[in-house]
Amino acid sequence: METLTQIGQMLGTYGVSAVIVIIFLWDYVANKKKNTENQETIKTTLEVVKESTTTISNCLIEMQQTNLNTAKSLELLQRQMENTDKKIDILLEGRNIKWVIKYMMY
């Protein structure tokens, strides 16, 4: 009988503490599971972001090369136009000289 009394006293004394410990452990296990799931989600998201960053980086490199090629093409076109303008100016000067000579002879 004395043992039952001691058990009753222990439950009375430690019962609330035991319930708190059980709730704490249950909450710890539940949060640990959620944290693991969240870490997996974050890891997957980071992999997708890394792939996207790589794709964007490659696109930017291609755009840079295209811009450089376009700039070079425009530079060549400008030089060609300047050369053509010079040739036209020379032709026009020659034509004007011919006209001047032609009119001076008459």
PDB file of N, CA and C in Angstrom:
ATOM      1  N   MET A   1       0.825  -1.169   0.000  1.00  0.00           N
ATOM      2  CA  MET A   1       0.000   0.000   0.000  1.00  0.00           C
ATOM      3  C   MET A   1       0.884   1.251   0.000  1.00  0.00           C
ATOM      4  N   GLU A   2       1.949   1.123   0.674  1.00  0.00           N
ATOM      5  CA  GLU A   2       2.861   2.250   0.741  1.00  0.00           C
ATOM      6  C   GLU A   2       3.441   2.547  -0.645  1.00  0.00           C
ATOM      7  N   THR A   3       3.675   1.515  -1.453  1.00  0.00           N
ATOM      8  CA  THR A   3       4.204   1.687  -2.800  1.00  0.00           C
ATOM      9  C   THR A   3       3.199   2.443  -3.652  1.00  0.00           C
ATOM     10  N   LEU A   4       1.921   2.109  -3.530  1.00  0.00           N
ATOM     11  CA  LEU A   4       0.889   2.811  -4.299  1.00  0.00           C
ATOM     12  C   LEU A   4       0.826   4.282  -3.895  1.00  0.00           C
ATOM     13  N   THR A   5       1.007   4.544  -2.659  1.00  0.00           N
ATOM     14  CA  THR A   5       0.984   5.910  -2.183  1.00  0.00           C
ATOM     15  C   THR A   5       2.179   6.682  -2.765  1.00  0.00           C
ATOM     16  N   GLN A   6       3.328   6.002  -2.783  1.00  0.00           N
ATOM     17  CA  GLN A   6       4.508   6.659  -3.356  1.00  0.00           C
ATOM     18  C   GLN A   6       4.313   6.913  -4.853  1.00  0.00           C
ATOM     19  N   ILE A   7       3.715   5.942  -5.559  1.00  0.00           N
ATOM     20  CA  ILE A   7       3.462   6.119  -6.994  1.00  0.00           C
ATOM     21  C   ILE A   7       2.496   7.274  -7.208  1.00  0.00           C
ATOM     22  N   GLY A   8       1.470   7.340  -6.390  1.00  0.00           N
ATOM     23  CA  GLY A   8       0.510   8.440  -6.480  1.00  0.00           C
ATOM     24  C   GLY A   8       1.179   9.782  -6.233  1.00  0.00           C
ATOM     25  N   GLN A   9       2.040   9.808  -5.236  1.00  0.00           N
ATOM     26  CA  GLN A   9       2.759  11.051  -4.944  1.00  0.00           C
ATOM     27  C   GLN A   9       3.680  11.436  -6.109  1.00  0.00           C
ATOM     28  N   MET A  10       4.345  10.433  -6.694  1.00  0.00           N
ATOM     29  CA  MET A  10       5.233  10.714  -7.822  1.00  0.00           C
ATOM     30  C   MET A  10       4.431  11.231  -9.023  1.00  0.00           C
ATOM     31  N   LEU A  11       3.278  10.611  -9.293  1.00  0.00           N
ATOM     32  CA  LEU A  11       2.442  11.087 -10.407  1.00  0.00           C
ATOM     33  C   LEU A  11       1.950  12.498 -10.122  1.00  0.00           C
ATOM     34  N   GLY A  12       1.563  12.744  -8.901  1.00  0.00           N
ATOM     35  CA  GLY A  12       1.117  14.084  -8.530  1.00  0.00           C
ATOM     36  C   GLY A  12       2.239  15.098  -8.668  1.00  0.00           C
ATOM     37  N   THR A  13       3.423  14.682  -8.269  1.00  0.00           N
ATOM     38  CA  THR A  13       4.565  15.591  -8.311  1.00  0.00           C
ATOM     39  C   THR A  13       5.099  15.748  -9.728  1.00  0.00           C
ATOM     40  N   TYR A  14       5.275  14.644 -10.427  1.00  0.00           N
ATOM     41  CA  TYR A  14       5.929  14.677 -11.748  1.00  0.00           C
ATOM     42  C   TYR A  14       4.964  14.560 -12.928  1.00  0.00           C
ATOM     43  N   GLY A  15       3.674  14.405 -12.668  1.00  0.00           N
ATOM     44  CA  GLY A  15       2.695  14.205 -13.741  1.00  0.00           C
ATOM     45  C   GLY A  15       2.652  15.361 -14.734  1.00  0.00           C
ATOM     46  N   VAL A  16       2.585  16.563 -14.250  1.00  0.00           N
ATOM     47  CA  VAL A  16       2.534  17.735 -15.117  1.00  0.00           C
ATOM     48  C   VAL A  16       3.844  17.868 -15.876  1.00  0.00           C
ATOM     49  N   SER A  17       4.938  17.631 -15.183  1.00  0.00           N
ATOM     50  CA  SER A  17       6.237  17.702 -15.848  1.00  0.00           C
ATOM     51  C   SER A  17       6.350  16.656 -16.939  1.00  0.00           C
ATOM     52  N   ALA A  18       5.874  15.460 -16.665  1.00  0.00           N
ATOM     53  CA  ALA A  18       5.933  14.381 -17.656  1.00  0.00           C
ATOM     54  C   ALA A  18       5.099  14.746 -18.885  1.00  0.00           C
ATOM     55  N   VAL A  19       3.922  15.323 -18.684  1.00  0.00           N
ATOM     56  CA  VAL A  19       3.079  15.740 -19.804  1.00  0.00           C
ATOM     57  C   VAL A  19       3.787  16.825 -20.614  1.00  0.00           C
ATOM     58  N   ILE A  20       4.415  17.759 -19.938  1.00  0.00           N
ATOM     59  CA  ILE A  20       5.135  18.823 -20.628  1.00  0.00           C
ATOM     60  C   ILE A  20       6.298  18.243 -21.438  1.00  0.00           C
ATOM     61  N   VAL A  21       7.016  17.301 -20.851  1.00  0.00           N
ATOM     62  CA  VAL A  21       8.129  16.670 -21.559  1.00  0.00           C
ATOM     63  C   VAL A  21       7.621  15.914 -22.779  1.00  0.00           C
ATOM     64  N   ILE A  22       6.523  15.196 -22.648  1.00  0.00           N
ATOM     65  CA  ILE A  22       5.952  14.442 -23.778  1.00  0.00           C
ATOM     66  C   ILE A  22       5.515  15.409 -24.886  1.00  0.00           C
ATOM     67  N   ILE A  23       4.849  16.499 -24.522  1.00  0.00           N
ATOM     68  CA  ILE A  23       4.431  17.492 -25.518  1.00  0.00           C
ATOM     69  C   ILE A  23       5.650  18.114 -26.195  1.00  0.00           C
ATOM     70  N   PHE A  24       6.677  18.415 -25.424  1.00  0.00           N
ATOM     71  CA  PHE A  24       7.901  18.985 -25.985  1.00  0.00           C
ATOM     72  C   PHE A  24       8.536  18.019 -26.993  1.00  0.00           C
ATOM     73  N   LEU A  25       8.645  16.752 -26.615  1.00  0.00           N
ATOM     74  CA  LEU A  25       9.227  15.757 -27.517  1.00  0.00           C
ATOM     75  C   LEU A  25       8.390  15.594 -28.785  1.00  0.00           C
ATOM     76  N   TRP A  26       7.065  15.571 -28.643  1.00  0.00           N
ATOM     77  CA  TRP A  26       6.177  15.437 -29.811  1.00  0.00           C
ATOM     78  C   TRP A  26       6.357  16.650 -30.742  1.00  0.00           C
ATOM     79  N   ASP A  27       6.409  17.830 -30.167  1.00  0.00           N
ATOM     80  CA  ASP A  27       6.591  19.045 -30.957  1.00  0.00           C
ATOM     81  C   ASP A  27       7.959  19.039 -31.643  1.00  0.00           C
ATOM     82  N   TYR A  28       8.994  18.584 -30.937  1.00  0.00           N
ATOM     83  CA  TYR A  28      10.337  18.514 -31.504  1.00  0.00           C
ATOM     84  C   TYR A  28      10.364  17.573 -32.709  1.00  0.00           C
ATOM     85  N   VAL A  29       9.767  16.413 -32.578  1.00  0.00           N
ATOM     86  CA  VAL A  29       9.752  15.439 -33.679  1.00  0.00           C
ATOM     87  C   VAL A  29       8.962  15.992 -34.866  1.00  0.00           C
ATOM     88  N   ALA A  30       7.805  16.615 -34.607  1.00  0.00           N
ATOM     89  CA  ALA A  30       6.982  17.172 -35.687  1.00  0.00           C
ATOM     90  C   ALA A  30       7.727  18.302 -36.404  1.00  0.00           C
ATOM     91  N   ASN A  31       8.369  19.185 -35.660  1.00  0.00           N
ATOM     92  CA  ASN A  31       9.120  20.288 -36.275  1.00  0.00           C
ATOM     93  C   ASN A  31      10.340  19.787 -37.031  1.00  0.00           C
ATOM     94  N   LYS A  32      10.978  18.750 -36.503  1.00  0.00           N
ATOM     95  CA  LYS A  32      12.139  18.171 -37.181  1.00  0.00           C
ATOM     96  C   LYS A  32      11.719  17.644 -38.555  1.00  0.00           C
ATOM     97  N   LYS A  33      10.582  16.991 -38.628  1.00  0.00           N
ATOM     98  CA  LYS A  33      10.070  16.461 -39.900  1.00  0.00           C
ATOM     99  C   LYS A  33       9.754  17.605 -40.861  1.00  0.00           C
ATOM    100  N   LYS A  34       9.099  18.649 -40.364  1.00  0.00           N
ATOM    101  CA  LYS A  34       8.775  19.802 -41.205  1.00  0.00           C
ATOM    102  C   LYS A  34      10.046  20.495 -41.693  1.00  0.00           C
ATOM    103  N   ASN A  35      11.027  20.640 -40.818  1.00  0.00           N
ATOM    104  CA  ASN A  35      12.291  21.268 -41.207  1.00  0.00           C
ATOM    105  C   ASN A  35      12.998  20.474 -42.300  1.00  0.00           C
ATOM    106  N   THR A  36      12.966  19.152 -42.190  1.00  0.00           N
ATOM    107  CA  THR A  36      13.576  18.305 -43.212  1.00  0.00           C
ATOM    108  C   THR A  36      12.871  18.489 -44.551  1.00  0.00           C
ATOM    109  N   GLU A  37      11.542  18.532 -44.532  1.00  0.00           N
ATOM    110  CA  GLU A  37      10.774  18.755 -45.762  1.00  0.00           C
ATOM    111  C   GLU A  37      11.080  20.137 -46.338  1.00  0.00           C
ATOM    112  N   ASN A  38      11.150  21.146 -45.476  1.00  0.00           N
ATOM    113  CA  ASN A  38      11.463  22.504 -45.933  1.00  0.00           C
ATOM    114  C   ASN A  38      12.859  22.581 -46.533  1.00  0.00           C
ATOM    115  N   GLN A  39      13.816  21.893 -45.941  1.00  0.00           N
ATOM    116  CA  GLN A  39      15.175  21.887 -46.465  1.00  0.00           C
ATOM    117  C   GLN A  39      15.218  21.242 -47.850  1.00  0.00           C
ATOM    118  N   GLU A  40      14.455  20.188 -48.052  1.00  0.00           N
ATOM    119  CA  GLU A  40      14.396  19.546 -49.368  1.00  0.00           C
ATOM    120  C   GLU A  40      13.775  20.488 -50.398  1.00  0.00           C
ATOM    121  N   THR A  41      12.724  21.195 -49.993  1.00  0.00           N
ATOM    122  CA  THR A  41      12.082  22.159 -50.891  1.00  0.00           C
ATOM    123  C   THR A  41      13.055  23.284 -51.242  1.00  0.00           C
ATOM    124  N   ILE A  42      13.768  23.780 -50.258  1.00  0.00           N
ATOM    125  CA  ILE A  42      14.741  24.853 -50.489  1.00  0.00           C
ATOM    126  C   ILE A  42      15.856  24.359 -51.404  1.00  0.00           C
ATOM    127  N   LYS A  43      16.326  23.142 -51.181  1.00  0.00           N
ATOM    128  CA  LYS A  43      17.392  22.573 -52.006  1.00  0.00           C
ATOM    129  C   LYS A  43      16.934  22.453 -53.460  1.00  0.00           C
ATOM    130  N   THR A  44      15.730  21.957 -53.670  1.00  0.00           N
ATOM    131  CA  THR A  44      15.186  21.832 -55.027  1.00  0.00           C
ATOM    132  C   THR A  44      15.039  23.197 -55.675  1.00  0.00           C
ATOM    133  N   THR A  45      14.537  24.168 -54.915  1.00  0.00           N
ATOM    134  CA  THR A  45      14.355  25.524 -55.439  1.00  0.00           C
ATOM    135  C   THR A  45      15.701  26.146 -55.815  1.00  0.00           C
ATOM    136  N   LEU A  46      16.708  25.943 -54.993  1.00  0.00           N
ATOM    137  CA  LEU A  46      18.037  26.481 -55.291  1.00  0.00           C
ATOM    138  C   LEU A  46      18.623  25.857 -56.553  1.00  0.00           C
ATOM    139  N   GLU A  47      18.366  24.570 -56.785  1.00  0.00           N
ATOM    140  CA  GLU A  47      18.844  23.922 -58.009  1.00  0.00           C
ATOM    141  C   GLU A  47      18.171  24.535 -59.233  1.00  0.00           C
ATOM    142  N   VAL A  48      16.868  24.790 -59.127  1.00  0.00           N
ATOM    143  CA  VAL A  48      16.134  25.403 -60.240  1.00  0.00           C
ATOM    144  C   VAL A  48      16.663  26.821 -60.489  1.00  0.00           C
ATOM    145  N   VAL A  49      16.900  27.557 -59.418  1.00  0.00           N
ATOM    146  CA  VAL A  49      17.432  28.923 -59.554  1.00  0.00           C
ATOM    147  C   VAL A  49      18.817  28.879 -60.200  1.00  0.00           C
ATOM    148  N   LYS A  50      19.641  27.913 -59.806  1.00  0.00           N
ATOM    149  CA  LYS A  50      20.980  27.790 -60.379  1.00  0.00           C
ATOM    150  C   LYS A  50      20.897  27.495 -61.877  1.00  0.00           C
ATOM    151  N   GLU A  51      20.000  26.589 -62.271  1.00  0.00           N
ATOM    152  CA  GLU A  51      19.812  26.283 -63.695  1.00  0.00           C
ATOM    153  C   GLU A  51      19.335  27.516 -64.453  1.00  0.00           C
ATOM    154  N   SER A  52      18.404  28.249 -63.863  1.00  0.00           N
ATOM    155  CA  SER A  52      17.885  29.459 -64.501  1.00  0.00           C
ATOM    156  C   SER A  52      18.989  30.507 -64.642  1.00  0.00           C
ATOM    157  N   THR A  53      19.787  30.645 -63.617  1.00  0.00           N
ATOM    158  CA  THR A  53      20.888  31.610 -63.658  1.00  0.00           C
ATOM    159  C   THR A  53      21.877  31.242 -64.760  1.00  0.00           C
ATOM    160  N   THR A  54      22.166  29.960 -64.884  1.00  0.00           N
ATOM    161  CA  THR A  54      23.083  29.500 -65.931  1.00  0.00           C
ATOM    162  C   THR A  54      22.496  29.792 -67.310  1.00  0.00           C
ATOM    163  N   THR A  55      21.216  29.523 -67.485  1.00  0.00           N
ATOM    164  CA  THR A  55      20.559  29.785 -68.763  1.00  0.00           C
ATOM    165  C   THR A  55      20.584  31.270 -69.091  1.00  0.00           C
ATOM    166  N   ILE A  56      20.259  32.106 -68.118  1.00  0.00           N
ATOM    167  CA  ILE A  56      20.270  33.561 -68.326  1.00  0.00           C
ATOM    168  C   ILE A  56      21.683  34.037 -68.641  1.00  0.00           C
ATOM    169  N   SER A  57      22.656  33.498 -67.932  1.00  0.00           N
ATOM    170  CA  SER A  57      24.049  33.866 -68.176  1.00  0.00           C
ATOM    171  C   SER A  57      24.460  33.524 -69.602  1.00  0.00           C
ATOM    172  N   ASN A  58      24.082  32.336 -70.052  1.00  0.00           N
ATOM    173  CA  ASN A  58      24.404  31.936 -71.430  1.00  0.00           C
ATOM    174  C   ASN A  58      23.724  32.846 -72.444  1.00  0.00           C
ATOM    175  N   CYS A  59      22.484  33.205 -72.175  1.00  0.00           N
ATOM    176  CA  CYS A  59      21.759  34.113 -73.083  1.00  0.00           C
ATOM    177  C   CYS A  59      22.441  35.476 -73.133  1.00  0.00           C
ATOM    178  N   LEU A  60      22.874  35.970 -71.987  1.00  0.00           N
ATOM    179  CA  LEU A  60      23.545  37.268 -71.957  1.00  0.00           C
ATOM    180  C   LEU A  60      24.874  37.229 -72.714  1.00  0.00           C
ATOM    181  N   ILE A  61      25.588  36.123 -72.605  1.00  0.00           N
ATOM    182  CA  ILE A  61      26.841  35.976 -73.345  1.00  0.00           C
ATOM    183  C   ILE A  61      26.558  35.974 -74.845  1.00  0.00           C
ATOM    184  N   GLU A  62      25.516  35.246 -75.261  1.00  0.00           N
ATOM    185  CA  GLU A  62      25.150  35.222 -76.683  1.00  0.00           C
ATOM    186  C   GLU A  62      24.725  36.604 -77.164  1.00  0.00           C
ATOM    187  N   MET A  63      23.965  37.332 -76.330  1.00  0.00           N
ATOM    188  CA  MET A  63      23.541  38.684 -76.699  1.00  0.00           C
ATOM    189  C   MET A  63      24.751  39.603 -76.830  1.00  0.00           C
ATOM    190  N   GLN A  64      25.711  39.456 -75.937  1.00  0.00           N
ATOM    191  CA  GLN A  64      26.916  40.270 -75.999  1.00  0.00           C
ATOM    192  C   GLN A  64      27.661  40.004 -77.305  1.00  0.00           C
ATOM    193  N   GLN A  65      27.789  38.729 -77.672  1.00  0.00           N
ATOM    194  CA  GLN A  65      28.484  38.392 -78.912  1.00  0.00           C
ATOM    195  C   GLN A  65      27.720  38.924 -80.122  1.00  0.00           C
ATOM    196  N   THR A  66      26.401  38.816 -80.093  1.00  0.00           N
ATOM    197  CA  THR A  66      25.584  39.346 -81.186  1.00  0.00           C
ATOM    198  C   THR A  66      25.764  40.862 -81.298  1.00  0.00           C
ATOM    199  N   ASN A  67      25.777  41.549 -80.152  1.00  0.00           N
ATOM    200  CA  ASN A  67      25.970  43.001 -80.159  1.00  0.00           C
ATOM    201  C   ASN A  67      27.340  43.375 -80.717  1.00  0.00           C
ATOM    202  N   LEU A  68      28.365  42.604 -80.345  1.00  0.00           N
ATOM    203  CA  LEU A  68      29.706  42.869 -80.882  1.00  0.00           C
ATOM    204  C   LEU A  68      29.737  42.657 -82.395  1.00  0.00           C
ATOM    205  N   ASN A  69      29.083  41.585 -82.855  1.00  0.00           N
ATOM    206  CA  ASN A  69      29.027  41.319 -84.294  1.00  0.00           C
ATOM    207  C   ASN A  69      28.268  42.422 -85.029  1.00  0.00           C
ATOM    208  N   THR A  70      27.165  42.878 -84.433  1.00  0.00           N
ATOM    209  CA  THR A  70      26.388  43.952 -85.047  1.00  0.00           C
ATOM    210  C   THR A  70      27.210  45.234 -85.108  1.00  0.00           C
ATOM    211  N   ALA A  71      27.916  45.543 -84.018  1.00  0.00           N
ATOM    212  CA  ALA A  71      28.758  46.744 -84.001  1.00  0.00           C
ATOM    213  C   ALA A  71      29.833  46.660 -85.084  1.00  0.00           C
ATOM    214  N   LYS A  72      30.453  45.506 -85.230  1.00  0.00           N
ATOM    215  CA  LYS A  72      31.491  45.328 -86.249  1.00  0.00           C
ATOM    216  C   LYS A  72      30.886  45.480 -87.644  1.00  0.00           C
ATOM    217  N   SER A  73      29.703  44.889 -87.861  1.00  0.00           N
ATOM    218  CA  SER A  73      29.039  45.017 -89.163  1.00  0.00           C
ATOM    219  C   SER A  73      28.703  46.466 -89.477  1.00  0.00           C
ATOM    220  N   LEU A  74      28.199  47.190 -88.485  1.00  0.00           N
ATOM    221  CA  LEU A  74      27.872  48.600 -88.692  1.00  0.00           C
ATOM    222  C   LEU A  74      29.121  49.426 -88.978  1.00  0.00           C
ATOM    223  N   GLU A  75      30.208  49.085 -88.315  1.00  0.00           N
ATOM    224  CA  GLU A  75      31.465  49.785 -88.553  1.00  0.00           C
ATOM    225  C   GLU A  75      31.950  49.541 -89.985  1.00  0.00           C
ATOM    226  N   LEU A  76      31.867  48.293 -90.435  1.00  0.00           N
ATOM    227  CA  LEU A  76      32.260  47.981 -91.816  1.00  0.00           C
ATOM    228  C   LEU A  76      31.356  48.672 -92.825  1.00  0.00           C
ATOM    229  N   LEU A  77      30.054  48.691 -92.530  1.00  0.00           N
ATOM    230  CA  LEU A  77      29.105  49.361 -93.414  1.00  0.00           C
ATOM    231  C   LEU A  77      29.405  50.859 -93.490  1.00  0.00           C
ATOM    232  N   GLN A  78      29.722  51.449 -92.350  1.00  0.00           N
ATOM    233  CA  GLN A  78      30.041  52.879 -92.333  1.00  0.00           C
ATOM    234  C   GLN A  78      31.287  53.167 -93.178  1.00  0.00           C
ATOM    235  N   ARG A  79      32.309  52.325 -93.027  1.00  0.00           N
ATOM    236  CA  ARG A  79      33.521  52.513 -93.837  1.00  0.00           C
ATOM    237  C   ARG A  79      33.214  52.380 -95.327  1.00  0.00           C
ATOM    238  N   GLN A  80      32.391  51.379 -95.666  1.00  0.00           N
ATOM    239  CA  GLN A  80      32.028  51.175 -97.066  1.00  0.00           C
ATOM    240  C   GLN A  80      31.259  52.375 -97.611  1.00  0.00           C
ATOM    241  N   MET A  81      30.352  52.915 -96.797  1.00  0.00           N
ATOM    242  CA  MET A  81      29.590  54.092 -97.226  1.00  0.00           C
ATOM    243  C   MET A  81      30.511  55.296 -97.411  1.00  0.00           C
ATOM    244  N   GLU A  82      31.471  55.465 -96.510  1.00  0.00           N
ATOM    245  CA  GLU A  82      32.420  56.571 -96.647  1.00  0.00           C
ATOM    246  C   GLU A  82      33.255  56.410 -97.918  1.00  0.00           C
ATOM    247  N   ASN A  83      33.706  55.180 -98.189  1.00  0.00           N
ATOM    248  CA  ASN A  83      34.468  54.925 -99.415  1.00  0.00           C
ATOM    249  C   ASN A  83      33.622  55.212-100.657  1.00  0.00           C
ATOM    250  N   THR A  84      32.364  54.790-100.600  1.00  0.00           N
ATOM    251  CA  THR A  84      31.455  55.041-101.719  1.00  0.00           C
ATOM    252  C   THR A  84      31.240  56.542-101.906  1.00  0.00           C
ATOM    253  N   ASP A  85      31.047  57.265-100.792  1.00  0.00           N
ATOM    254  CA  ASP A  85      30.887  58.722-100.860  1.00  0.00           C
ATOM    255  C   ASP A  85      32.113  59.375-101.495  1.00  0.00           C
ATOM    256  N   LYS A  86      33.299  58.909-101.115  1.00  0.00           N
ATOM    257  CA  LYS A  86      34.531  59.468-101.690  1.00  0.00           C
ATOM    258  C   LYS A  86      34.579  59.204-103.193  1.00  0.00           C
ATOM    259  N   LYS A  87      34.225  57.989-103.596  1.00  0.00           N
ATOM    260  CA  LYS A  87      34.236  57.650-105.022  1.00  0.00           C
ATOM    261  C   LYS A  87      33.236  58.516-105.792  1.00  0.00           C
ATOM    262  N   ILE A  88      32.061  58.700-105.212  1.00  0.00           N
ATOM    263  CA  ILE A  88      31.043  59.528-105.861  1.00  0.00           C
ATOM    264  C   ILE A  88      31.528  60.967-105.967  1.00  0.00           C
ATOM    265  N   ASP A  89      32.145  61.463-104.879  1.00  0.00           N
ATOM    266  CA  ASP A  89      32.692  62.831-104.912  1.00  0.00           C
ATOM    267  C   ASP A  89      33.743  62.968-106.007  1.00  0.00           C
ATOM    268  N   ILE A  90      34.623  61.975-106.132  1.00  0.00           N
ATOM    269  CA  ILE A  90      35.659  62.012-107.169  1.00  0.00           C
ATOM    270  C   ILE A  90      35.019  61.991-108.551  1.00  0.00           C
ATOM    271  N   LEU A  91      34.014  61.120-108.733  1.00  0.00           N
ATOM    272  CA  LEU A  91      33.324  61.049-110.022  1.00  0.00           C
ATOM    273  C   LEU A  91      32.630  62.364-110.355  1.00  0.00           C
ATOM    274  N   LEU A  92      31.985  62.924-109.336  1.00  0.00           N
ATOM    275  CA  LEU A  92      31.285  64.199-109.566  1.00  0.00           C
ATOM    276  C   LEU A  92      32.273  65.310-109.876  1.00  0.00           C
ATOM    277  N   GLU A  93      33.405  65.331-109.196  1.00  0.00           N
ATOM    278  CA  GLU A  93      34.422  66.338-109.485  1.00  0.00           C
ATOM    279  C   GLU A  93      34.922  66.175-110.918  1.00  0.00           C
ATOM    280  N   GLY A  94      35.167  64.949-111.316  1.00  0.00           N
ATOM    281  CA  GLY A  94      35.606  64.680-112.691  1.00  0.00           C
ATOM    282  C   GLY A  94      34.557  65.104-113.695  1.00  0.00           C
ATOM    283  N   ARG A  95      33.326  64.851-113.391  1.00  0.00           N
ATOM    284  CA  ARG A  95      32.233  65.235-114.289  1.00  0.00           C
ATOM    285  C   ARG A  95      32.131  66.749-114.392  1.00  0.00           C
ATOM    286  N   ASN A  96      32.262  67.406-113.235  1.00  0.00           N
ATOM    287  CA  ASN A  96      32.208  68.879-113.223  1.00  0.00           C
ATOM    288  C   ASN A  96      33.352  69.465-114.038  1.00  0.00           C
ATOM    289  N   ILE A  97      34.521  68.878-113.899  1.00  0.00           N
ATOM    290  CA  ILE A  97      35.667  69.361-114.675  1.00  0.00           C
ATOM    291  C   ILE A  97      35.383  69.200-116.173  1.00  0.00           C
ATOM    292  N   LYS A  98      34.809  68.059-116.540  1.00  0.00           N
ATOM    293  CA  LYS A  98      34.477  67.830-117.953  1.00  0.00           C
ATOM    294  C   LYS A  98      33.474  68.872-118.429  1.00  0.00           C
ATOM    295  N   TRP A  99      32.483  69.175-117.583  1.00  0.00           N
ATOM    296  CA  TRP A  99      31.492  70.172-117.957  1.00  0.00           C
ATOM    297  C   TRP A  99      32.134  71.547-118.093  1.00  0.00           C
ATOM    298  N   VAL A 100      33.015  71.846-117.167  1.00  0.00           N
ATOM    299  CA  VAL A 100      33.683  73.151-117.211  1.00  0.00           C
ATOM    300  C   VAL A 100      34.512  73.256-118.481  1.00  0.00           C
ATOM    301  N   ILE A 101      35.282  72.214-118.776  1.00  0.00           N
ATOM    302  CA  ILE A 101      36.112  72.217-119.981  1.00  0.00           C
ATOM    303  C   ILE A 101      35.222  72.309-121.224  1.00  0.00           C
ATOM    304  N   LYS A 102      34.130  71.537-121.203  1.00  0.00           N
ATOM    305  CA  LYS A 102      33.222  71.527-122.358  1.00  0.00           C
ATOM    306  C   LYS A 102      32.646  72.927-122.605  1.00  0.00           C
ATOM    307  N   TYR A 103      32.211  73.603-121.510  1.00  0.00           N
ATOM    308  CA  TYR A 103      31.627  74.934-121.650  1.00  0.00           C
ATOM    309  C   TYR A 103      32.681  75.984-122.000  1.00  0.00           C
ATOM    310  N   MET A 104      33.902  75.789-121.543  1.00  0.00           N
ATOM    311  CA  MET A 104      34.956  76.740-121.843  1.00  0.00           C
ATOM    312  C   MET A 104      35.344  76.664-123.336  1.00  0.00           C
ATOM    313  N   MET A 105      35.189  75.510-123.917  1.00  0.00           N
ATOM    314  CA  MET A 105      35.542  75.355-125.333  1.00  0.00           C
ATOM    315  C   MET A 105      34.499  75.991-126.223  1.00  0.00           C
ATOM    316  N   TYR A 106      33.325  76.144-125.773  1.00  0.00           N
ATOM    317  CA  TYR A 106      32.281  76.719-126.631  1.00  0.00           C
ATOM    318  C   TYR A 106      32.239  78.154-126.534  1.00  0.00           C
TER     319      TYR A 106
END
